Amino acid sequence: MKAVVCTKYGAPEQVLELQELERPIPAEKRVLVRVLAASINKVDVGPIKGDLVVRLTGSGFLRPKSGRIGTDLAGRVEAVGREVTQFRPGDEVFGAAPGTFAEYASAREDLLVLKPANVSFEQAAAVPVAALSALQGLRKGQIQLGQKVLINGASGGVGMFALQIAKAFGAEVTAVCSTRNLDMVRSIGADHVIDYTQEDFTQSGQQYDLIYCAVGNHSISEYKKALKSQGVCVVAGFTVLRLLFEHMILGPMRSTKNGRRVGLSGTVAPTQKDLIVMKDLIEAGKVTPVIDRCYPLSEAAEAIRYLETGRARGKVVITVEENRR
């Protein structure tokens, strides 16, 4: 089978190769999926570039241990292990697995669910990491019906899910994005929009019950200005590295139990239970994955380069055209 492999750390266009590998054989509780689409997440980029955190957490200090990349997938079940009970060959599924930038991937049975019939494979592949990051982050912020919620970075891969999930929970949602994305976030349910090129939401005087920040571009004190007295801010990503350390070190000290709280969302933990939650929301028409661009497997490096520009509206997806024939 063809698979994208990272042989050493560096720029994607320099270190990614399309290689021929043996097709995986599913173990007892695993499912072999014929991959039709796989989306890209920022967490996929660190293991390619060899970020220090990645090297220190067991992925290989001098070079990648595995070399296989990608986590999200959507496709058809090709074969199942002997202890698998939920799926059978031919089922259309989506979920998470290691090494999904390939024609086939071996996934744990409990990290797959049946694909909603009302979306494409590309849309289904966009869901796992990004949507579950948003879902788990909003839960951490204790989202409730009727709250005023602000989504900072609402047009990105995680932000557009956070916006729609917050609406599904019954929140009044304000979306923050650039001028060119205002109409897009309105179209997926934003009640109010803020153009960050024209207005800084932390200085406007408006306050919110919950802020979900997918871009992490403000200080703790700035977030607190935009929170109500019992408000919570959950920060899921950072565009300014120094702010990451501020939130990690000072966040817990500056957040009081009964006052305004600012904290990190934490690492997403894909679960079948949460994938089912997203499946139900999609089938109910409450969440629709937004795809910016699709690239063939052979252009994975170019797809990652585009994601890194920060201009993507929604998700960037890899399609495995060989499996569609």
Protein backbone atom coordinates (compact mmCIF):
# COMPACT_ATOMS: atom_id res chain seq x y z
CA MET A 1 0.00 0.00 0.00
CA LYS A 2 1.02 3.63 -0.46
CA ALA A 3 1.65 5.66 2.70
CA VAL A 4 3.19 9.02 3.58
CA VAL A 5 6.25 8.47 5.75
CA CYS A 6 8.43 10.93 7.67
CA THR A 7 12.01 9.61 7.63
CA LYS A 8 13.64 12.46 9.55
CA TYR A 9 12.68 15.75 11.20
CA GLY A 10 12.39 18.87 9.09
CA ALA A 11 10.16 20.87 6.75
CA PRO A 12 7.33 18.68 5.37
CA GLU A 13 8.33 19.23 1.76
CA GLN A 14 11.84 17.98 2.57
CA VAL A 15 11.17 14.99 4.79
CA LEU A 16 7.86 13.44 3.71
CA GLU A 17 7.98 10.55 1.24
CA LEU A 18 5.27 8.49 -0.44
CA GLN A 19 6.39 4.91 0.07
CA GLU A 20 5.14 1.39 -0.56
CA LEU A 21 4.53 -0.42 2.73
CA GLU A 22 2.94 -3.71 3.71
CA ARG A 23 -0.76 -3.55 4.39
CA PRO A 24 -1.50 -3.91 8.12
CA ILE A 25 -3.10 -7.11 9.42
CA PRO A 26 -5.71 -6.26 12.06
CA ALA A 27 -5.08 -7.73 15.51
CA GLU A 28 -7.87 -9.28 17.60
CA LYS A 29 -9.60 -6.01 18.57
CA ARG A 30 -8.57 -3.86 15.62
CA VAL A 31 -10.21 -2.93 12.33
CA LEU A 32 -8.46 -2.55 8.98
CA VAL A 33 -9.91 0.52 7.25
CA ARG A 34 -9.54 1.29 3.56
CA VAL A 35 -8.91 5.03 3.93
CA LEU A 36 -10.84 7.36 1.63
CA ALA A 37 -10.04 10.62 3.43
CA ALA A 38 -7.86 11.84 6.30
CA SER A 39 -7.78 15.37 7.64
CA ILE A 40 -4.77 17.32 8.92
CA ASN A 41 -4.44 18.71 12.42
CA LYS A 42 -1.79 20.89 13.96
CA VAL A 43 -0.84 17.99 16.23
CA ASP A 44 0.25 16.12 13.09
CA VAL A 45 2.84 18.77 12.26
CA GLY A 46 4.95 18.60 15.44
CA PRO A 47 6.10 15.00 14.83
CA ILE A 48 7.22 16.01 11.34
CA LYS A 49 9.20 19.06 12.31
CA GLY A 50 10.58 17.43 15.44
CA ASP A 51 9.37 19.98 17.96
CA LEU A 52 11.26 19.68 21.26
CA VAL A 53 8.15 18.60 23.16
CA VAL A 54 7.60 15.82 20.61
CA ARG A 55 11.19 14.61 20.91
CA LEU A 56 11.02 14.55 24.69
CA THR A 57 7.74 12.61 24.84
CA GLY A 58 8.96 9.41 23.24
CA SER A 59 8.57 10.00 19.51
CA GLY A 60 12.31 9.76 18.94
CA PHE A 61 14.94 12.32 19.84
CA LEU A 62 17.13 12.23 16.72
CA ARG A 63 14.62 10.87 14.22
CA PRO A 64 10.97 9.68 14.22
CA LYS A 65 10.47 6.22 15.70
CA SER A 66 7.46 5.39 13.58
CA GLY A 67 7.47 7.76 10.65
CA ARG A 68 3.76 7.22 9.96
CA ILE A 69 1.64 10.36 10.28
CA GLY A 70 -2.02 11.32 10.46
CA THR A 71 -4.76 10.56 13.01
CA ASP A 72 -8.20 11.33 11.51
CA LEU A 73 -9.77 9.01 8.97
CA ALA A 74 -12.94 8.05 7.15
CA GLY A 75 -13.32 5.03 4.91
CA ARG A 76 -14.66 1.50 4.54
CA VAL A 77 -13.92 -1.50 6.71
CA GLU A 78 -11.70 -3.91 4.80
CA ALA A 79 -11.21 -6.59 7.47
CA VAL A 80 -11.71 -7.08 11.20
CA GLY A 81 -9.87 -8.89 13.98
CA ARG A 82 -11.46 -12.00 15.41
CA GLU A 83 -12.67 -10.26 18.58
CA VAL A 84 -14.29 -7.29 16.81
CA THR A 85 -18.07 -7.26 17.24
CA GLN A 86 -19.20 -3.76 16.20
CA PHE A 87 -18.10 -3.69 12.55
CA ARG A 88 -17.89 -5.86 9.49
CA PRO A 89 -16.30 -5.51 6.05
CA GLY A 90 -18.02 -2.88 3.93
CA ASP A 91 -19.14 -0.66 6.82
CA GLU A 92 -18.53 3.05 6.29
CA VAL A 93 -16.74 4.43 9.35
CA PHE A 94 -14.83 7.41 10.71
CA GLY A 95 -12.58 7.85 13.71
CA ALA A 96 -8.98 7.92 14.85
CA ALA A 97 -5.97 5.69 14.21
CA PRO A 98 -2.20 6.04 13.83
CA GLY A 99 -0.77 6.57 10.37
CA THR A 100 -3.89 7.57 8.45
CA PHE A 101 -2.06 9.30 5.58
CA ALA A 102 -2.13 5.99 3.77
CA GLU A 103 -4.30 3.69 1.71
CA TYR A 104 -5.02 1.53 4.76
CA ALA A 105 -4.90 2.07 8.52
CA SER A 106 -5.38 -0.24 11.50
CA ALA A 107 -7.74 1.28 14.09
CA ARG A 108 -8.91 0.19 17.52
CA GLU A 109 -12.53 -0.94 17.40
CA ASP A 110 -13.43 1.51 20.19
CA LEU A 111 -12.10 4.52 18.25
CA LEU A 112 -14.41 4.08 15.26
CA VAL A 113 -18.11 4.75 14.67
CA LEU A 114 -20.36 4.41 11.65
CA LYS A 115 -20.17 7.40 9.31
CA PRO A 116 -23.24 9.67 9.19
CA ALA A 117 -25.00 9.14 5.87
CA ASN A 118 -25.62 12.86 5.37
CA VAL A 119 -21.96 13.87 4.99
CA SER A 120 -19.15 12.95 2.64
CA PHE A 121 -16.07 10.94 3.58
CA GLU A 122 -14.09 14.17 3.46
CA GLN A 123 -16.44 15.82 5.95
CA ALA A 124 -16.44 12.77 8.22
CA ALA A 125 -12.63 12.68 8.20
CA ALA A 126 -12.60 16.31 9.38
CA VAL A 127 -14.34 15.44 12.64
CA PRO A 128 -12.31 13.35 15.11
CA VAL A 129 -9.46 15.44 16.52
CA ALA A 130 -10.85 18.92 15.81
CA ALA A 131 -14.45 18.30 16.85
CA LEU A 132 -13.51 16.36 19.97
CA SER A 133 -11.03 19.09 20.93
CA ALA A 134 -13.90 21.57 20.76
CA LEU A 135 -16.41 19.30 22.51
CA GLN A 136 -14.09 18.41 25.38
CA GLY A 137 -12.91 22.00 25.75
CA LEU A 138 -16.45 23.36 25.96
CA ARG A 139 -17.30 20.71 28.54
CA LYS A 140 -14.27 21.76 30.57
CA GLY A 141 -15.66 25.29 30.48
CA GLN A 142 -18.95 23.87 31.82
CA ILE A 143 -21.05 25.19 28.96
CA GLN A 144 -24.74 25.56 29.76
CA LEU A 145 -28.00 26.44 28.04
CA GLY A 146 -28.50 30.19 27.59
CA GLN A 147 -24.92 31.22 28.25
CA LYS A 148 -23.17 33.93 26.29
CA VAL A 149 -20.21 32.19 24.67
CA LEU A 150 -17.41 33.71 22.61
CA ILE A 151 -15.36 31.59 20.18
CA ASN A 152 -12.01 33.17 19.32
CA GLY A 153 -10.65 31.73 16.08
CA ALA A 154 -14.12 30.62 14.97
CA SER A 155 -13.25 30.07 11.30
CA GLY A 156 -10.45 27.55 11.86
CA GLY A 157 -10.64 23.77 11.99
CA VAL A 158 -11.36 23.57 15.74
CA GLY A 159 -13.15 26.91 16.04
CA MET A 160 -15.85 26.16 13.49
CA PHE A 161 -16.74 22.99 15.42
CA ALA A 162 -16.71 24.87 18.74
CA LEU A 163 -19.11 27.46 17.31
CA GLN A 164 -21.61 24.85 16.12
CA ILE A 165 -21.34 22.67 19.22
CA ALA A 166 -21.92 25.70 21.46
CA LYS A 167 -25.05 26.53 19.46
CA ALA A 168 -26.21 22.92 19.80
CA PHE A 169 -25.87 23.29 23.60
CA GLY A 170 -28.21 26.28 23.40
CA ALA A 171 -25.68 29.08 23.85
CA GLU A 172 -25.77 32.58 22.36
CA VAL A 173 -22.55 32.57 20.35
CA THR A 174 -20.24 35.41 19.32
CA ALA A 175 -17.64 34.43 16.72
CA VAL A 176 -14.29 36.19 16.35
CA CYS A 177 -12.53 35.92 12.98
CA SER A 178 -11.07 37.99 10.14
CA THR A 179 -13.09 40.11 7.70
CA ARG A 180 -13.11 37.53 4.92
CA ASN A 181 -14.60 34.86 7.19
CA LEU A 182 -17.49 36.81 8.72
CA ASP A 183 -20.09 35.50 6.29
CA MET A 184 -18.88 31.93 6.72
CA VAL A 185 -19.22 31.93 10.51
CA ARG A 186 -22.66 33.54 10.21
CA SER A 187 -23.67 30.75 7.84
CA ILE A 188 -22.82 28.06 10.41
CA GLY A 189 -24.78 29.70 13.22
CA ALA A 190 -22.96 32.62 14.83
CA ASP A 191 -25.42 35.00 16.52
CA HIS A 192 -22.88 37.84 16.58
CA VAL A 193 -19.55 38.37 14.86
CA ILE A 194 -16.43 40.37 15.69
CA ASP A 195 -13.85 41.25 13.07
CA TYR A 196 -10.57 41.08 14.97
CA THR A 197 -8.89 43.34 12.41
CA GLN A 198 -11.27 46.09 13.51
CA GLU A 199 -12.00 45.32 17.17
CA ASP A 200 -10.29 43.62 20.13
CA PHE A 201 -12.95 41.68 22.01
CA THR A 202 -10.97 41.94 25.26
CA GLN A 203 -11.17 45.75 25.15
CA SER A 204 -14.80 46.19 24.02
CA GLY A 205 -16.42 46.09 27.46
CA GLN A 206 -18.59 43.10 26.52
CA GLN A 207 -18.39 40.15 28.91
CA TYR A 208 -19.13 36.46 28.45
CA ASP A 209 -19.94 33.41 30.56
CA LEU A 210 -17.52 31.28 28.56
CA ILE A 211 -14.70 32.03 26.14
CA TYR A 212 -13.29 29.22 24.01
CA CYS A 213 -10.05 30.36 22.43
CA ALA A 214 -8.62 28.27 19.61
CA VAL A 215 -5.75 30.67 18.89
CA GLY A 216 -4.42 31.74 22.30
CA ASN A 217 -3.36 35.25 21.33
CA HIS A 218 -4.23 37.14 24.53
CA SER A 219 -2.84 37.31 28.04
CA ILE A 220 -4.63 35.99 31.12
CA SER A 221 -5.49 39.50 32.30
CA GLU A 222 -6.97 40.37 28.89
CA TYR A 223 -9.20 37.30 28.90
CA LYS A 224 -10.41 38.13 32.41
CA LYS A 225 -11.58 41.57 31.24
CA ALA A 226 -13.96 39.83 28.85
CA LEU A 227 -15.34 37.38 31.41
CA LYS A 228 -18.31 37.78 33.72
CA SER A 229 -17.69 37.43 37.45
CA GLN A 230 -18.02 33.64 37.37
CA GLY A 231 -16.83 33.29 33.78
CA VAL A 232 -14.48 30.67 32.40
CA CYS A 233 -11.96 30.91 29.55
CA VAL A 234 -10.66 27.69 27.98
CA VAL A 235 -7.57 28.12 25.80
CA ALA A 236 -7.05 25.35 23.25
CA GLY A 237 -4.22 26.62 21.08
CA PHE A 238 -1.53 29.26 20.88
CA THR A 239 -0.21 31.49 18.11
CA VAL A 240 2.13 33.33 20.51
CA LEU A 241 4.52 30.88 22.22
CA ARG A 242 5.34 33.08 25.22
CA LEU A 243 1.64 33.13 26.10
CA LEU A 244 1.63 29.33 26.34
CA PHE A 245 4.15 29.45 29.18
CA GLU A 246 2.24 32.31 30.85
CA HIS A 247 -0.93 30.24 30.85
CA MET A 248 0.82 27.07 31.99
CA ILE A 249 2.64 28.73 34.90
CA LEU A 250 0.51 31.70 35.92
CA GLY A 251 -2.94 30.51 34.86
CA PRO A 252 -3.60 28.27 37.90
CA MET A 253 -2.31 30.96 40.30
CA ARG A 254 -4.39 33.76 38.80
CA SER A 255 -7.60 31.75 38.58
CA THR A 256 -9.73 31.63 41.70
CA LYS A 257 -12.28 28.92 42.42
CA ASN A 258 -15.19 31.33 42.79
CA GLY A 259 -14.11 34.01 40.33
CA ARG A 260 -13.01 34.38 36.72
CA ARG A 261 -11.01 31.37 35.60
CA VAL A 262 -8.59 30.95 32.70
CA GLY A 263 -7.14 27.53 31.92
CA LEU A 264 -5.76 25.29 29.21
CA SER A 265 -8.06 22.89 27.41
CA GLY A 266 -5.56 20.02 27.61
CA THR A 267 -4.76 17.28 25.11
CA VAL A 268 -7.71 15.86 23.23
CA ALA A 269 -8.56 12.26 24.16
CA PRO A 270 -10.55 10.60 21.34
CA THR A 271 -13.24 8.27 22.63
CA GLN A 272 -15.97 6.32 20.91
CA LYS A 273 -18.54 7.90 23.22
CA ASP A 274 -17.63 11.41 22.05
CA LEU A 275 -17.44 10.32 18.42
CA ILE A 276 -21.02 9.09 18.79
CA VAL A 277 -22.02 12.48 20.24
CA MET A 278 -20.60 14.16 17.13
CA LYS A 279 -22.24 11.60 14.84
CA ASP A 280 -25.61 12.36 16.42
CA LEU A 281 -25.12 16.14 16.11
CA ILE A 282 -24.15 15.78 12.45
CA GLU A 283 -27.10 13.51 11.64
CA ALA A 284 -29.42 15.99 13.36
CA GLY A 285 -28.09 18.78 11.16
CA LYS A 286 -26.75 20.71 14.16
CA VAL A 287 -23.10 20.40 13.08
CA THR A 288 -21.78 20.45 9.52
CA PRO A 289 -18.03 19.97 8.96
CA VAL A 290 -16.56 22.74 6.81
CA ILE A 291 -13.86 21.79 4.29
CA ASP A 292 -11.52 24.41 2.89
CA ARG A 293 -9.35 22.36 0.52
CA CYS A 294 -8.68 18.75 -0.41
CA TYR A 295 -5.31 17.41 -1.55
CA PRO A 296 -4.37 13.97 -2.92
CA LEU A 297 -2.17 11.71 -0.81
CA SER A 298 0.84 12.53 -3.00
CA GLU A 299 0.52 16.23 -2.07
CA ALA A 300 0.43 15.78 1.71
CA ALA A 301 3.38 18.14 2.20
CA GLU A 302 1.63 20.90 0.25
CA ALA A 303 -1.54 20.36 2.27
CA ILE A 304 0.41 20.76 5.52
CA ARG A 305 2.12 23.88 4.19
CA TYR A 306 -1.29 25.40 3.45
CA LEU A 307 -2.60 24.53 6.92
CA GLU A 308 0.41 26.28 8.44
CA THR A 309 -0.38 29.54 6.65
CA GLY A 310 -3.26 29.99 9.12
CA ARG A 311 -5.64 30.98 6.31
CA ALA A 312 -7.68 27.79 6.13
CA ARG A 313 -11.44 28.18 6.61
CA GLY A 314 -12.38 24.98 8.35
CA LYS A 315 -10.45 21.79 7.65
CA VAL A 316 -7.78 20.71 5.18
CA VAL A 317 -8.28 17.13 3.99
CA ILE A 318 -6.18 14.44 2.30
CA THR A 319 -8.09 12.26 -0.16
CA VAL A 320 -6.94 8.78 -1.16
CA GLU A 321 -8.06 8.72 -4.76
CA GLU A 322 -6.54 5.27 -5.38
CA ASN A 323 -9.16 3.77 -3.05
CA ARG A 324 -12.07 5.34 -4.92
CA ARG A 325 -11.47 3.45 -8.12
